[in-house]
Protein backbone atom coordinates (compact mmCIF):
# COMPACT_ATOMS: atom_id res chain seq x y z
CA LYS A 1 98.95 19.21 159.85
CA GLN A 2 96.35 20.18 156.97
CA LEU A 3 98.10 18.11 154.80
CA THR A 4 95.56 16.45 152.57
CA PHE A 5 97.37 14.83 150.19
CA LEU A 6 101.10 13.20 150.23
CA ASN A 7 102.88 12.43 146.77
CA LEU A 8 105.58 10.50 147.27
CA THR A 9 105.85 8.86 143.82
CA ASN A 10 109.11 7.86 142.17
CA ASN A 11 111.11 7.06 145.35
CA LYS A 12 112.78 4.10 144.21
CA LYS A 13 114.79 4.19 148.14
CA LEU A 14 111.02 4.37 149.84
CA THR A 15 110.18 1.11 151.04
CA THR A 16 108.12 2.27 154.42
CA LEU A 17 106.29 5.22 155.38
CA PRO A 18 107.46 6.26 158.75
CA ALA A 19 104.38 5.45 162.03
CA SER A 20 103.64 9.11 162.29
CA VAL A 21 102.51 9.60 159.00
CA VAL A 22 99.21 8.22 161.47
CA GLN A 23 99.40 12.10 162.90
CA LEU A 24 98.38 13.72 159.65
CA THR A 25 94.96 13.10 160.77
CA CYS A 26 93.59 15.75 157.16
CA LEU A 27 95.30 13.41 154.64
CA ASP A 28 93.00 12.11 152.56
CA PHE A 29 95.22 10.68 150.27
CA PHE A 30 99.14 9.44 149.56
CA SER A 31 100.83 8.09 146.54
CA VAL A 32 103.91 6.14 146.48
CA GLU A 33 103.28 5.12 142.75
CA GLY A 34 106.90 4.43 141.09
CA SER A 35 108.18 3.31 144.82
CA ASN A 36 108.91 0.87 146.40
CA VAL A 37 106.01 0.98 149.17
CA ASN A 38 104.90 -3.01 149.66
CA PRO A 39 101.68 -2.21 151.60
CA ASN A 40 103.18 -4.79 153.86
CA ASN A 41 105.67 -2.88 154.87
CA LEU A 42 103.90 -0.17 156.21
CA PRO A 43 103.19 0.96 159.77
CA PRO A 44 100.06 -0.54 161.95
CA GLU A 45 99.51 2.14 162.93
CA ILE A 46 98.05 3.37 159.50
CA LEU A 47 97.07 0.21 158.41
CA LYS A 48 93.76 0.29 159.93
CA TYR A 49 93.02 3.33 158.20
CA ILE A 50 94.19 3.02 154.85
CA THR A 51 92.60 1.32 151.71
CA PRO A 52 94.52 0.96 148.50
CA THR A 53 92.92 2.46 144.99
CA GLU A 54 95.27 1.55 141.67
CA ASP A 55 98.28 2.54 141.21
CA ASN A 56 99.82 2.71 144.58
CA ILE A 57 97.45 5.68 145.70
CA TYR A 58 96.02 4.81 149.08
CA GLU A 59 92.82 6.73 150.61
CA LEU A 60 93.12 7.67 153.94
CA ASN A 61 89.34 7.20 156.06
CA PHE A 62 90.18 8.70 159.62
CA PRO A 63 87.29 8.48 161.84
CA PRO A 64 85.57 11.94 162.04
CA GLU A 65 86.97 12.78 165.61
CA MET A 66 90.44 12.66 164.61
CA LYS A 67 89.60 15.31 161.92
CA THR A 68 87.93 18.10 163.84
CA HIS A 69 90.92 20.25 163.55
CA CYS A 70 91.01 19.78 159.77
CA ARG A 71 89.46 22.51 157.84
CA ASN A 72 87.22 22.64 154.56
CA ILE A 73 89.13 23.85 151.52
CA GLN A 74 85.94 25.09 150.08
CA GLU A 75 85.72 27.52 153.55
């Protein structure tokens, strides 16, 4: 639950992510670079929270109320 970055690079058989990714509300970024993930195949539960960046890295923008259990790494 405290995961902040998920690296799924170079997974050629990977075409989508499970809807359960939305439960990882501390997640700030995930990378699917080198994989076969099509943004159109991502679960609708997660689409409303992601912002694509470059190289198939996605920023997740969960609202603060979903992140209250997330700890600050600098603490």
